[in-house]
Amino acid sequence: MKRIYGIRGAVCAENTKESICEQTLNMCDALIKNNKLAAEDIVSMHFTLTKDLDIYNPCAAFRNNYKDIDTSNIPLFCSQEAFIQGGLKKVIRILIHAYLEENSTISNVYLNGAEVLRPDFCGK
């Protein structure tokens, strides 16, 4: 029996199209592979960006460049992360809603400096 899970990730990037694209793809690839997701498992993907990343939308990066699964029917959404004084800068976050077998172990992914956000998920 399957149920919906929330799978989280974050990655730091520079404010260039190339960096946002590369880091978005690295994060999504790790999440998809670590959790053995197929396109039909994914209900939706919600990205957020801190306000200092404003050159490129991670939804476009994912949709236009990810080749390991068909992304054409996955609803993607992006919004600006709430500004918190002293918060980590230049961060792309994601929440994937996906169907997985009940009692599945989830692998959340924090990369490229974002590990400080959730050291409990990173073994640090």
PDB file of N, CA and C in Angstrom:
ATOM      1  N   MET A   1       0.844  -1.173   0.000  1.00  0.00           N
ATOM      2  CA  MET A   1       0.000   0.000   0.000  1.00  0.00           C
ATOM      3  C   MET A   1       0.891   1.239   0.000  1.00  0.00           C
ATOM      4  N   LYS A   2       0.504   2.247  -0.784  1.00  0.00           N
ATOM      5  CA  LYS A   2       1.282   3.478  -0.876  1.00  0.00           C
ATOM      6  C   LYS A   2       0.595   4.614  -0.134  1.00  0.00           C
ATOM      7  N   ARG A   3       1.423   5.588   0.291  1.00  0.00           N
ATOM      8  CA  ARG A   3       0.911   6.808   0.884  1.00  0.00           C
ATOM      9  C   ARG A   3       1.778   7.967   0.410  1.00  0.00           C
ATOM     10  N   ILE A   4       1.306   9.187   0.609  1.00  0.00           N
ATOM     11  CA  ILE A   4       2.077  10.357   0.194  1.00  0.00           C
ATOM     12  C   ILE A   4       3.098  10.713   1.267  1.00  0.00           C
ATOM     13  N   TYR A   5       4.310  10.954   0.817  1.00  0.00           N
ATOM     14  CA  TYR A   5       5.406  11.416   1.664  1.00  0.00           C
ATOM     15  C   TYR A   5       5.846  12.796   1.194  1.00  0.00           C
ATOM     16  N   GLY A   6       6.429  13.557   2.109  1.00  0.00           N
ATOM     17  CA  GLY A   6       7.100  14.807   1.779  1.00  0.00           C
ATOM     18  C   GLY A   6       8.593  14.573   1.860  1.00  0.00           C
ATOM     19  N   ILE A   7       9.281  14.838   0.767  1.00  0.00           N
ATOM     20  CA  ILE A   7      10.722  14.619   0.693  1.00  0.00           C
ATOM     21  C   ILE A   7      11.373  15.983   0.510  1.00  0.00           C
ATOM     22  N   ARG A   8      12.333  16.296   1.372  1.00  0.00           N
ATOM     23  CA  ARG A   8      12.906  17.639   1.387  1.00  0.00           C
ATOM     24  C   ARG A   8      14.359  17.658   0.945  1.00  0.00           C
ATOM     25  N   GLY A   9      14.732  18.814   0.427  1.00  0.00           N
ATOM     26  CA  GLY A   9      16.119  19.011   0.051  1.00  0.00           C
ATOM     27  C   GLY A   9      16.454  20.486   0.002  1.00  0.00           C
ATOM     28  N   ALA A  10      17.742  20.771   0.003  1.00  0.00           N
ATOM     29  CA  ALA A  10      18.228  22.140  -0.139  1.00  0.00           C
ATOM     30  C   ALA A  10      19.642  22.091  -0.688  1.00  0.00           C
ATOM     31  N   VAL A  11      19.989  23.155  -1.385  1.00  0.00           N
ATOM     32  CA  VAL A  11      21.319  23.282  -1.955  1.00  0.00           C
ATOM     33  C   VAL A  11      21.652  24.763  -2.063  1.00  0.00           C
ATOM     34  N   CYS A  12      22.905  25.088  -1.889  1.00  0.00           N
ATOM     35  CA  CYS A  12      23.347  26.475  -2.080  1.00  0.00           C
ATOM     36  C   CYS A  12      23.850  26.638  -3.510  1.00  0.00           C
ATOM     37  N   ALA A  13      23.629  27.826  -4.063  1.00  0.00           N
ATOM     38  CA  ALA A  13      24.032  28.121  -5.442  1.00  0.00           C
ATOM     39  C   ALA A  13      24.481  29.569  -5.530  1.00  0.00           C
ATOM     40  N   GLU A  14      25.187  29.874  -6.584  1.00  0.00           N
ATOM     41  CA  GLU A  14      25.520  31.257  -6.894  1.00  0.00           C
ATOM     42  C   GLU A  14      24.388  31.840  -7.744  1.00  0.00           C
ATOM     43  N   ASN A  15      24.303  33.145  -7.804  1.00  0.00           N
ATOM     44  CA  ASN A  15      23.227  33.796  -8.552  1.00  0.00           C
ATOM     45  C   ASN A  15      23.584  33.935 -10.031  1.00  0.00           C
ATOM     46  N   THR A  16      23.801  32.775 -10.660  1.00  0.00           N
ATOM     47  CA  THR A  16      23.988  32.706 -12.110  1.00  0.00           C
ATOM     48  C   THR A  16      23.060  31.620 -12.637  1.00  0.00           C
ATOM     49  N   LYS A  17      22.685  31.738 -13.883  1.00  0.00           N
ATOM     50  CA  LYS A  17      21.821  30.720 -14.485  1.00  0.00           C
ATOM     51  C   LYS A  17      22.496  29.351 -14.415  1.00  0.00           C
ATOM     52  N   GLU A  18      23.787  29.316 -14.696  1.00  0.00           N
ATOM     53  CA  GLU A  18      24.520  28.048 -14.724  1.00  0.00           C
ATOM     54  C   GLU A  18      24.547  27.394 -13.343  1.00  0.00           C
ATOM     55  N   SER A  19      24.827  28.176 -12.315  1.00  0.00           N
ATOM     56  CA  SER A  19      24.909  27.616 -10.965  1.00  0.00           C
ATOM     57  C   SER A  19      23.544  27.157 -10.468  1.00  0.00           C
ATOM     58  N   ILE A  20      22.522  27.975 -10.678  1.00  0.00           N
ATOM     59  CA  ILE A  20      21.171  27.583 -10.249  1.00  0.00           C
ATOM     60  C   ILE A  20      20.746  26.313 -10.961  1.00  0.00           C
ATOM     61  N   CYS A  21      21.021  26.238 -12.249  1.00  0.00           N
ATOM     62  CA  CYS A  21      20.662  25.040 -13.017  1.00  0.00           C
ATOM     63  C   CYS A  21      21.448  23.824 -12.515  1.00  0.00           C
ATOM     64  N   GLU A  22      22.740  23.951 -12.405  1.00  0.00           N
ATOM     65  CA  GLU A  22      23.580  22.828 -11.975  1.00  0.00           C
ATOM     66  C   GLU A  22      23.202  22.338 -10.583  1.00  0.00           C
ATOM     67  N   GLN A  23      23.048  23.248  -9.658  1.00  0.00           N
ATOM     68  CA  GLN A  23      22.752  22.840  -8.278  1.00  0.00           C
ATOM     69  C   GLN A  23      21.333  22.271  -8.144  1.00  0.00           C
ATOM     70  N   THR A  24      20.379  22.853  -8.872  1.00  0.00           N
ATOM     71  CA  THR A  24      19.018  22.304  -8.873  1.00  0.00           C
ATOM     72  C   THR A  24      19.029  20.869  -9.389  1.00  0.00           C
ATOM     73  N   LEU A  25      19.723  20.639 -10.493  1.00  0.00           N
ATOM     74  CA  LEU A  25      19.777  19.295 -11.070  1.00  0.00           C
ATOM     75  C   LEU A  25      20.493  18.321 -10.150  1.00  0.00           C
ATOM     76  N   ASN A  26      21.582  18.750  -9.511  1.00  0.00           N
ATOM     77  CA  ASN A  26      22.292  17.873  -8.569  1.00  0.00           C
ATOM     78  C   ASN A  26      21.383  17.451  -7.418  1.00  0.00           C
ATOM     79  N   MET A  27      20.673  18.444  -6.847  1.00  0.00           N
ATOM     80  CA  MET A  27      19.784  18.156  -5.717  1.00  0.00           C
ATOM     81  C   MET A  27      18.641  17.223  -6.150  1.00  0.00           C
ATOM     82  N   CYS A  28      17.991  17.559  -7.251  1.00  0.00           N
ATOM     83  CA  CYS A  28      16.859  16.745  -7.711  1.00  0.00           C
ATOM     84  C   CYS A  28      17.295  15.339  -8.095  1.00  0.00           C
ATOM     85  N   ASP A  29      18.444  15.225  -8.740  1.00  0.00           N
ATOM     86  CA  ASP A  29      18.947  13.910  -9.122  1.00  0.00           C
ATOM     87  C   ASP A  29      19.189  13.045  -7.886  1.00  0.00           C
ATOM     88  N   ALA A  30      19.809  13.625  -6.867  1.00  0.00           N
ATOM     89  CA  ALA A  30      20.053  12.871  -5.635  1.00  0.00           C
ATOM     90  C   ALA A  30      18.745  12.452  -4.976  1.00  0.00           C
ATOM     91  N   LEU A  31      17.771  13.359  -4.920  1.00  0.00           N
ATOM     92  CA  LEU A  31      16.482  13.032  -4.303  1.00  0.00           C
ATOM     93  C   LEU A  31      15.751  11.932  -5.071  1.00  0.00           C
ATOM     94  N   ILE A  32      15.727  12.055  -6.383  1.00  0.00           N
ATOM     95  CA  ILE A  32      15.019  11.085  -7.218  1.00  0.00           C
ATOM     96  C   ILE A  32      15.686   9.713  -7.138  1.00  0.00           C
ATOM     97  N   LYS A  33      17.002   9.680  -7.238  1.00  0.00           N
ATOM     98  CA  LYS A  33      17.707   8.393  -7.201  1.00  0.00           C
ATOM     99  C   LYS A  33      17.717   7.780  -5.803  1.00  0.00           C
ATOM    100  N   ASN A  34      17.985   8.585  -4.778  1.00  0.00           N
ATOM    101  CA  ASN A  34      18.046   8.042  -3.412  1.00  0.00           C
ATOM    102  C   ASN A  34      16.701   7.498  -2.952  1.00  0.00           C
ATOM    103  N   ASN A  35      15.619   8.088  -3.445  1.00  0.00           N
ATOM    104  CA  ASN A  35      14.284   7.652  -3.037  1.00  0.00           C
ATOM    105  C   ASN A  35      13.611   6.763  -4.079  1.00  0.00           C
ATOM    106  N   LYS A  36      14.356   6.429  -5.130  1.00  0.00           N
ATOM    107  CA  LYS A  36      13.879   5.541  -6.201  1.00  0.00           C
ATOM    108  C   LYS A  36      12.527   6.012  -6.755  1.00  0.00           C
ATOM    109  N   LEU A  37      12.459   7.318  -7.070  1.00  0.00           N
ATOM    110  CA  LEU A  37      11.218   7.899  -7.565  1.00  0.00           C
ATOM    111  C   LEU A  37      11.086   7.736  -9.071  1.00  0.00           C
ATOM    112  N   ALA A  38       9.892   7.407  -9.506  1.00  0.00           N
ATOM    113  CA  ALA A  38       9.533   7.432 -10.921  1.00  0.00           C
ATOM    114  C   ALA A  38       8.600   8.623 -11.115  1.00  0.00           C
ATOM    115  N   ALA A  39       8.480   9.090 -12.336  1.00  0.00           N
ATOM    116  CA  ALA A  39       7.644  10.258 -12.615  1.00  0.00           C
ATOM    117  C   ALA A  39       6.226  10.064 -12.091  1.00  0.00           C
ATOM    118  N   GLU A  40       5.691   8.855 -12.237  1.00  0.00           N
ATOM    119  CA  GLU A  40       4.306   8.605 -11.812  1.00  0.00           C
ATOM    120  C   GLU A  40       4.140   8.598 -10.294  1.00  0.00           C
ATOM    121  N   ASP A  41       5.240   8.517  -9.544  1.00  0.00           N
ATOM    122  CA  ASP A  41       5.177   8.591  -8.078  1.00  0.00           C
ATOM    123  C   ASP A  41       5.042  10.021  -7.580  1.00  0.00           C
ATOM    124  N   ILE A  42       5.530  10.973  -8.379  1.00  0.00           N
ATOM    125  CA  ILE A  42       5.632  12.361  -7.933  1.00  0.00           C
ATOM    126  C   ILE A  42       4.308  13.089  -8.135  1.00  0.00           C
ATOM    127  N   VAL A  43       3.765  13.620  -7.041  1.00  0.00           N
ATOM    128  CA  VAL A  43       2.521  14.389  -7.078  1.00  0.00           C
ATOM    129  C   VAL A  43       2.827  15.823  -7.478  1.00  0.00           C
ATOM    130  N   SER A  44       3.837  16.428  -6.852  1.00  0.00           N
ATOM    131  CA  SER A  44       4.237  17.796  -7.178  1.00  0.00           C
ATOM    132  C   SER A  44       5.600  18.089  -6.575  1.00  0.00           C
ATOM    133  N   MET A  45       6.213  19.161  -7.087  1.00  0.00           N
ATOM    134  CA  MET A  45       7.504  19.617  -6.586  1.00  0.00           C
ATOM    135  C   MET A  45       7.406  21.117  -6.351  1.00  0.00           C
ATOM    136  N   HIS A  46       7.700  21.548  -5.135  1.00  0.00           N
ATOM    137  CA  HIS A  46       7.645  22.969  -4.784  1.00  0.00           C
ATOM    138  C   HIS A  46       9.047  23.425  -4.409  1.00  0.00           C
ATOM    139  N   PHE A  47       9.570  24.342  -5.205  1.00  0.00           N
ATOM    140  CA  PHE A  47      10.876  24.935  -4.962  1.00  0.00           C
ATOM    141  C   PHE A  47      10.697  26.279  -4.275  1.00  0.00           C
ATOM    142  N   THR A  48      11.668  26.664  -3.449  1.00  0.00           N
ATOM    143  CA  THR A  48      11.754  28.031  -2.960  1.00  0.00           C
ATOM    144  C   THR A  48      13.182  28.512  -3.169  1.00  0.00           C
ATOM    145  N   LEU A  49      13.307  29.839  -3.273  1.00  0.00           N
ATOM    146  CA  LEU A  49      14.612  30.486  -3.419  1.00  0.00           C
ATOM    147  C   LEU A  49      14.733  31.596  -2.393  1.00  0.00           C
ATOM    148  N   THR A  50      15.921  31.783  -1.853  1.00  0.00           N
ATOM    149  CA  THR A  50      16.132  32.971  -1.044  1.00  0.00           C
ATOM    150  C   THR A  50      16.165  34.174  -1.984  1.00  0.00           C
ATOM    151  N   LYS A  51      15.920  35.360  -1.432  1.00  0.00           N
ATOM    152  CA  LYS A  51      15.727  36.547  -2.270  1.00  0.00           C
ATOM    153  C   LYS A  51      16.971  36.954  -3.057  1.00  0.00           C
ATOM    154  N   ASP A  52      18.130  36.436  -2.684  1.00  0.00           N
ATOM    155  CA  ASP A  52      19.359  36.783  -3.395  1.00  0.00           C
ATOM    156  C   ASP A  52      19.604  35.908  -4.632  1.00  0.00           C
ATOM    157  N   LEU A  53      18.736  34.949  -4.902  1.00  0.00           N
ATOM    158  CA  LEU A  53      18.795  34.140  -6.125  1.00  0.00           C
ATOM    159  C   LEU A  53      17.637  34.558  -7.018  1.00  0.00           C
ATOM    160  N   ASP A  54      17.930  35.375  -8.013  1.00  0.00           N
ATOM    161  CA  ASP A  54      16.853  35.934  -8.832  1.00  0.00           C
ATOM    162  C   ASP A  54      17.139  35.913 -10.333  1.00  0.00           C
ATOM    163  N   ILE A  55      18.128  35.121 -10.746  1.00  0.00           N
ATOM    164  CA  ILE A  55      18.518  35.067 -12.154  1.00  0.00           C
ATOM    165  C   ILE A  55      17.756  33.992 -12.934  1.00  0.00           C
ATOM    166  N   TYR A  56      17.417  32.885 -12.291  1.00  0.00           N
ATOM    167  CA  TYR A  56      16.827  31.753 -13.018  1.00  0.00           C
ATOM    168  C   TYR A  56      15.911  30.977 -12.094  1.00  0.00           C
ATOM    169  N   ASN A  57      14.836  30.469 -12.640  1.00  0.00           N
ATOM    170  CA  ASN A  57      13.842  29.704 -11.890  1.00  0.00           C
ATOM    171  C   ASN A  57      14.253  28.224 -11.861  1.00  0.00           C
ATOM    172  N   PRO A  58      14.346  27.625 -10.674  1.00  0.00           N
ATOM    173  CA  PRO A  58      14.725  26.205 -10.610  1.00  0.00           C
ATOM    174  C   PRO A  58      13.704  25.278 -11.278  1.00  0.00           C
ATOM    175  N   CYS A  59      12.451  25.698 -11.357  1.00  0.00           N
ATOM    176  CA  CYS A  59      11.461  24.892 -12.092  1.00  0.00           C
ATOM    177  C   CYS A  59      11.865  24.772 -13.558  1.00  0.00           C
ATOM    178  N   ALA A  60      12.263  25.890 -14.150  1.00  0.00           N
ATOM    179  CA  ALA A  60      12.704  25.874 -15.551  1.00  0.00           C
ATOM    180  C   ALA A  60      13.972  25.041 -15.689  1.00  0.00           C
ATOM    181  N   ALA A  61      14.878  25.175 -14.742  1.00  0.00           N
ATOM    182  CA  ALA A  61      16.113  24.383 -14.784  1.00  0.00           C
ATOM    183  C   ALA A  61      15.783  22.893 -14.782  1.00  0.00           C
ATOM    184  N   PHE A  62      14.899  22.485 -13.885  1.00  0.00           N
ATOM    185  CA  PHE A  62      14.522  21.072 -13.789  1.00  0.00           C
ATOM    186  C   PHE A  62      13.770  20.614 -15.038  1.00  0.00           C
ATOM    187  N   ARG A  63      12.735  21.337 -15.398  1.00  0.00           N
ATOM    188  CA  ARG A  63      11.888  20.939 -16.529  1.00  0.00           C
ATOM    189  C   ARG A  63      12.685  20.858 -17.832  1.00  0.00           C
ATOM    190  N   ASN A  64      13.566  21.819 -18.068  1.00  0.00           N
ATOM    191  CA  ASN A  64      14.276  21.892 -19.350  1.00  0.00           C
ATOM    192  C   ASN A  64      15.517  21.025 -19.435  1.00  0.00           C
ATOM    193  N   ASN A  65      16.023  20.556 -18.302  1.00  0.00           N
ATOM    194  CA  ASN A  65      17.323  19.883 -18.333  1.00  0.00           C
ATOM    195  C   ASN A  65      17.379  18.503 -17.697  1.00  0.00           C
ATOM    196  N   TYR A  66      16.401  18.127 -16.896  1.00  0.00           N
ATOM    197  CA  TYR A  66      16.477  16.821 -16.243  1.00  0.00           C
ATOM    198  C   TYR A  66      16.017  15.743 -17.216  1.00  0.00           C
ATOM    199  N   LYS A  67      16.843  14.740 -17.428  1.00  0.00           N
ATOM    200  CA  LYS A  67      16.571  13.749 -18.474  1.00  0.00           C
ATOM    201  C   LYS A  67      16.273  12.346 -17.972  1.00  0.00           C
ATOM    202  N   ASP A  68      16.445  12.081 -16.670  1.00  0.00           N
ATOM    203  CA  ASP A  68      16.312  10.706 -16.189  1.00  0.00           C
ATOM    204  C   ASP A  68      14.868  10.245 -16.010  1.00  0.00           C
ATOM    205  N   ILE A  69      13.933  11.190 -15.889  1.00  0.00           N
ATOM    206  CA  ILE A  69      12.509  10.848 -15.860  1.00  0.00           C
ATOM    207  C   ILE A  69      11.763  11.877 -16.711  1.00  0.00           C
ATOM    208  N   ASP A  70      10.568  11.527 -17.133  1.00  0.00           N
ATOM    209  CA  ASP A  70       9.725  12.448 -17.895  1.00  0.00           C
ATOM    210  C   ASP A  70       9.124  13.460 -16.928  1.00  0.00           C
ATOM    211  N   THR A  71       9.483  14.717 -17.099  1.00  0.00           N
ATOM    212  CA  THR A  71       9.016  15.772 -16.199  1.00  0.00           C
ATOM    213  C   THR A  71       7.779  16.496 -16.709  1.00  0.00           C
ATOM    214  N   SER A  72       7.305  16.141 -17.884  1.00  0.00           N
ATOM    215  CA  SER A  72       6.258  16.934 -18.542  1.00  0.00           C
ATOM    216  C   SER A  72       4.925  16.957 -17.789  1.00  0.00           C
ATOM    217  N   ASN A  73       4.635  15.945 -16.988  1.00  0.00           N
ATOM    218  CA  ASN A  73       3.357  15.908 -16.268  1.00  0.00           C
ATOM    219  C   ASN A  73       3.492  16.121 -14.765  1.00  0.00           C
ATOM    220  N   ILE A  74       4.661  16.575 -14.333  1.00  0.00           N
ATOM    221  CA  ILE A  74       4.875  16.839 -12.909  1.00  0.00           C
ATOM    222  C   ILE A  74       4.594  18.317 -12.648  1.00  0.00           C
ATOM    223  N   PRO A  75       3.626  18.633 -11.789  1.00  0.00           N
ATOM    224  CA  PRO A  75       3.384  20.037 -11.457  1.00  0.00           C
ATOM    225  C   PRO A  75       4.571  20.607 -10.668  1.00  0.00           C
ATOM    226  N   LEU A  76       5.112  21.703 -11.169  1.00  0.00           N
ATOM    227  CA  LEU A  76       6.234  22.378 -10.532  1.00  0.00           C
ATOM    228  C   LEU A  76       5.790  23.762 -10.100  1.00  0.00           C
ATOM    229  N   PHE A  77       6.283  24.225  -8.957  1.00  0.00           N
ATOM    230  CA  PHE A  77       5.916  25.543  -8.450  1.00  0.00           C
ATOM    231  C   PHE A  77       7.132  26.128  -7.751  1.00  0.00           C
ATOM    232  N   CYS A  78       7.307  27.431  -7.856  1.00  0.00           N
ATOM    233  CA  CYS A  78       8.423  28.101  -7.205  1.00  0.00           C
ATOM    234  C   CYS A  78       7.928  29.352  -6.503  1.00  0.00           C
ATOM    235  N   SER A  79       8.453  29.608  -5.318  1.00  0.00           N
ATOM    236  CA  SER A  79       8.130  30.827  -4.584  1.00  0.00           C
ATOM    237  C   SER A  79       9.378  31.303  -3.854  1.00  0.00           C
ATOM    238  N   GLN A  80       9.302  32.546  -3.385  1.00  0.00           N
ATOM    239  CA  GLN A  80      10.426  33.087  -2.632  1.00  0.00           C
ATOM    240  C   GLN A  80      10.352  32.600  -1.191  1.00  0.00           C
ATOM    241  N   GLU A  81      11.493  32.173  -0.687  1.00  0.00           N
ATOM    242  CA  GLU A  81      11.608  31.744   0.705  1.00  0.00           C
ATOM    243  C   GLU A  81      11.364  32.941   1.619  1.00  0.00           C
ATOM    244  N   ALA A  82      10.734  32.725   2.742  1.00  0.00           N
ATOM    245  CA  ALA A  82      10.550  33.797   3.720  1.00  0.00           C
ATOM    246  C   ALA A  82      11.911  34.327   4.147  1.00  0.00           C
ATOM    247  N   PHE A  83      12.054  35.642   4.202  1.00  0.00           N
ATOM    248  CA  PHE A  83      13.311  36.237   4.634  1.00  0.00           C
ATOM    249  C   PHE A  83      13.404  36.185   6.153  1.00  0.00           C
ATOM    250  N   ILE A  84      14.474  35.591   6.640  1.00  0.00           N
ATOM    251  CA  ILE A  84      14.743  35.511   8.072  1.00  0.00           C
ATOM    252  C   ILE A  84      16.112  36.142   8.304  1.00  0.00           C
ATOM    253  N   GLN A  85      16.175  37.159   9.151  1.00  0.00           N
ATOM    254  CA  GLN A  85      17.460  37.792   9.433  1.00  0.00           C
ATOM    255  C   GLN A  85      18.449  36.758   9.943  1.00  0.00           C
ATOM    256  N   GLY A  86      19.635  36.769   9.363  1.00  0.00           N
ATOM    257  CA  GLY A  86      20.673  35.834   9.760  1.00  0.00           C
ATOM    258  C   GLY A  86      20.547  34.457   9.127  1.00  0.00           C
ATOM    259  N   GLY A  87      19.524  34.273   8.292  1.00  0.00           N
ATOM    260  CA  GLY A  87      19.339  32.983   7.631  1.00  0.00           C
ATOM    261  C   GLY A  87      20.390  32.722   6.567  1.00  0.00           C
ATOM    262  N   LEU A  88      20.557  31.470   6.212  1.00  0.00           N
ATOM    263  CA  LEU A  88      21.515  31.086   5.179  1.00  0.00           C
ATOM    264  C   LEU A  88      21.122  31.714   3.855  1.00  0.00           C
ATOM    265  N   LYS A  89      22.099  32.271   3.163  1.00  0.00           N
ATOM    266  CA  LYS A  89      21.862  32.940   1.891  1.00  0.00           C
ATOM    267  C   LYS A  89      22.082  31.986   0.728  1.00  0.00           C
ATOM    268  N   LYS A  90      21.537  32.362  -0.426  1.00  0.00           N
ATOM    269  CA  LYS A  90      21.740  31.663  -1.701  1.00  0.00           C
ATOM    270  C   LYS A  90      21.321  30.194  -1.632  1.00  0.00           C
ATOM    271  N   VAL A  91      20.094  29.968  -1.147  1.00  0.00           N
ATOM    272  CA  VAL A  91      19.606  28.603  -0.956  1.00  0.00           C
ATOM    273  C   VAL A  91      18.401  28.326  -1.850  1.00  0.00           C
ATOM    274  N   ILE A  92      18.436  27.179  -2.484  1.00  0.00           N
ATOM    275  CA  ILE A  92      17.289  26.616  -3.201  1.00  0.00           C
ATOM    276  C   ILE A  92      16.792  25.465  -2.342  1.00  0.00           C
ATOM    277  N   ARG A  93      15.511  25.492  -2.011  1.00  0.00           N
ATOM    278  CA  ARG A  93      14.907  24.399  -1.248  1.00  0.00           C
ATOM    279  C   ARG A  93      13.852  23.724  -2.109  1.00  0.00           C
ATOM    280  N   ILE A  94      13.544  22.493  -1.744  1.00  0.00           N
ATOM    281  CA  ILE A  94      12.504  21.757  -2.466  1.00  0.00           C
ATOM    282  C   ILE A  94      11.718  20.893  -1.493  1.00  0.00           C
ATOM    283  N   LEU A  95      10.433  20.759  -1.794  1.00  0.00           N
ATOM    284  CA  LEU A  95       9.576  19.792  -1.122  1.00  0.00           C
ATOM    285  C   LEU A  95       8.898  18.995  -2.228  1.00  0.00           C
ATOM    286  N   ILE A  96       9.191  17.710  -2.263  1.00  0.00           N
ATOM    287  CA  ILE A  96       8.569  16.814  -3.247  1.00  0.00           C
ATOM    288  C   ILE A  96       7.488  16.022  -2.521  1.00  0.00           C
ATOM    289  N   HIS A  97       6.284  16.057  -3.054  1.00  0.00           N
ATOM    290  CA  HIS A  97       5.217  15.183  -2.562  1.00  0.00           C
ATOM    291  C   HIS A  97       5.184  13.985  -3.507  1.00  0.00           C
ATOM    292  N   ALA A  98       5.322  12.796  -2.923  1.00  0.00           N
ATOM    293  CA  ALA A  98       5.396  11.594  -3.758  1.00  0.00           C
ATOM    294  C   ALA A  98       4.762  10.406  -3.056  1.00  0.00           C
ATOM    295  N   TYR A  99       4.192   9.532  -3.860  1.00  0.00           N
ATOM    296  CA  TYR A  99       3.682   8.265  -3.353  1.00  0.00           C
ATOM    297  C   TYR A  99       4.829   7.271  -3.242  1.00  0.00           C
ATOM    298  N   LEU A 100       4.951   6.689  -2.054  1.00  0.00           N
ATOM    299  CA  LEU A 100       5.923   5.628  -1.812  1.00  0.00           C
ATOM    300  C   LEU A 100       5.235   4.548  -0.985  1.00  0.00           C
ATOM    301  N   GLU A 101       5.839   3.398  -0.967  1.00  0.00           N
ATOM    302  CA  GLU A 101       5.299   2.319  -0.148  1.00  0.00           C
ATOM    303  C   GLU A 101       5.245   2.767   1.309  1.00  0.00           C
ATOM    304  N   GLU A 102       4.167   2.378   1.984  1.00  0.00           N
ATOM    305  CA  GLU A 102       4.027   2.710   3.398  1.00  0.00           C
ATOM    306  C   GLU A 102       5.238   2.185   4.160  1.00  0.00           C
ATOM    307  N   ASN A 103       5.697   2.948   5.136  1.00  0.00           N
ATOM    308  CA  ASN A 103       6.869   2.653   5.948  1.00  0.00           C
ATOM    309  C   ASN A 103       8.187   2.748   5.184  1.00  0.00           C
ATOM    310  N   SER A 104       8.170   3.478   4.075  1.00  0.00           N
ATOM    311  CA  SER A 104       9.413   3.715   3.338  1.00  0.00           C
ATOM    312  C   SER A 104      10.337   4.605   4.160  1.00  0.00           C
ATOM    313  N   THR A 105      11.622   4.407   3.994  1.00  0.00           N
ATOM    314  CA  THR A 105      12.614   5.295   4.596  1.00  0.00           C
ATOM    315  C   THR A 105      12.916   6.391   3.584  1.00  0.00           C
ATOM    316  N   ILE A 106      12.757   7.623   4.023  1.00  0.00           N
ATOM    317  CA  ILE A 106      12.962   8.776   3.147  1.00  0.00           C
ATOM    318  C   ILE A 106      14.409   9.235   3.234  1.00  0.00           C
ATOM    319  N   SER A 107      14.953   9.624   2.084  1.00  0.00           N
ATOM    320  CA  SER A 107      16.284  10.206   2.039  1.00  0.00           C
ATOM    321  C   SER A 107      16.147  11.671   1.635  1.00  0.00           C
ATOM    322  N   ASN A 108      16.241  12.573   2.617  1.00  0.00           N
ATOM    323  CA  ASN A 108      16.277  14.002   2.348  1.00  0.00           C
ATOM    324  C   ASN A 108      17.713  14.360   1.983  1.00  0.00           C
ATOM    325  N   VAL A 109      17.892  15.405   1.166  1.00  0.00           N
ATOM    326  CA  VAL A 109      19.218  15.727   0.648  1.00  0.00           C
ATOM    327  C   VAL A 109      19.531  17.201   0.889  1.00  0.00           C
ATOM    328  N   TYR A 110      20.670  17.462   1.501  1.00  0.00           N
ATOM    329  CA  TYR A 110      21.162  18.824   1.734  1.00  0.00           C
ATOM    330  C   TYR A 110      22.601  18.866   1.238  1.00  0.00           C
ATOM    331  N   LEU A 111      22.859  19.758   0.267  1.00  0.00           N
ATOM    332  CA  LEU A 111      24.129  19.747  -0.452  1.00  0.00           C
ATOM    333  C   LEU A 111      24.773  21.130  -0.539  1.00  0.00           C
ATOM    334  N   ASN A 112      26.063  21.126  -0.834  1.00  0.00           N
ATOM    335  CA  ASN A 112      26.802  22.325  -1.220  1.00  0.00           C
ATOM    336  C   ASN A 112      26.670  23.482  -0.224  1.00  0.00           C
ATOM    337  N   GLY A 113      26.779  23.173   1.042  1.00  0.00           N
ATOM    338  CA  GLY A 113      26.696  24.195   2.079  1.00  0.00           C
ATOM    339  C   GLY A 113      25.367  24.243   2.799  1.00  0.00           C
ATOM    340  N   ALA A 114      24.337  23.635   2.234  1.00  0.00           N
ATOM    341  CA  ALA A 114      23.007  23.639   2.854  1.00  0.00           C
ATOM    342  C   ALA A 114      22.896  22.613   3.981  1.00  0.00           C
ATOM    343  N   GLU A 115      23.916  21.815   4.173  1.00  0.00           N
ATOM    344  CA  GLU A 115      23.901  20.804   5.233  1.00  0.00           C
ATOM    345  C   GLU A 115      23.683  21.428   6.609  1.00  0.00           C
ATOM    346  N   VAL A 116      24.089  22.696   6.781  1.00  0.00           N
ATOM    347  CA  VAL A 116      23.925  23.368   8.076  1.00  0.00           C
ATOM    348  C   VAL A 116      22.464  23.589   8.433  1.00  0.00           C
ATOM    349  N   LEU A 117      21.585  23.542   7.439  1.00  0.00           N
ATOM    350  CA  LEU A 117      20.161  23.726   7.692  1.00  0.00           C
ATOM    351  C   LEU A 117      19.550  22.552   8.445  1.00  0.00           C
ATOM    352  N   ARG A 118      19.988  21.349   8.138  1.00  0.00           N
ATOM    353  CA  ARG A 118      19.454  20.143   8.776  1.00  0.00           C
ATOM    354  C   ARG A 118      20.570  19.135   9.000  1.00  0.00           C
ATOM    355  N   PRO A 119      21.476  19.427   9.930  1.00  0.00           N
ATOM    356  CA  PRO A 119      22.562  18.468  10.175  1.00  0.00           C
ATOM    357  C   PRO A 119      22.056  17.096  10.618  1.00  0.00           C
ATOM    358  N   ASP A 120      20.847  17.059  11.208  1.00  0.00           N
ATOM    359  CA  ASP A 120      20.274  15.773  11.628  1.00  0.00           C
ATOM    360  C   ASP A 120      19.981  14.868  10.435  1.00  0.00           C
ATOM    361  N   PHE A 121      19.759  15.439   9.251  1.00  0.00           N
ATOM    362  CA  PHE A 121      19.540  14.646   8.050  1.00  0.00           C
ATOM    363  C   PHE A 121      20.846  14.289   7.349  1.00  0.00           C
ATOM    364  N   CYS A 122      21.922  14.939   7.737  1.00  0.00           N
ATOM    365  CA  CYS A 122      23.184  14.796   7.023  1.00  0.00           C
ATOM    366  C   CYS A 122      24.241  14.031   7.798  1.00  0.00           C
ATOM    367  N   GLY A 123      23.885  13.568   8.983  1.00  0.00           N
ATOM    368  CA  GLY A 123      24.850  12.818   9.785  1.00  0.00           C
ATOM    369  C   GLY A 123      25.960  13.693  10.356  1.00  0.00           C
ATOM    370  N   LYS A 124      25.652  15.009  10.493  1.00  0.00           N
ATOM    371  CA  LYS A 124      26.666  15.944  11.018  1.00  0.00           C
ATOM    372  C   LYS A 124      26.214  16.539  12.315  1.00  0.00           C
TER     373      LYS A 124
END
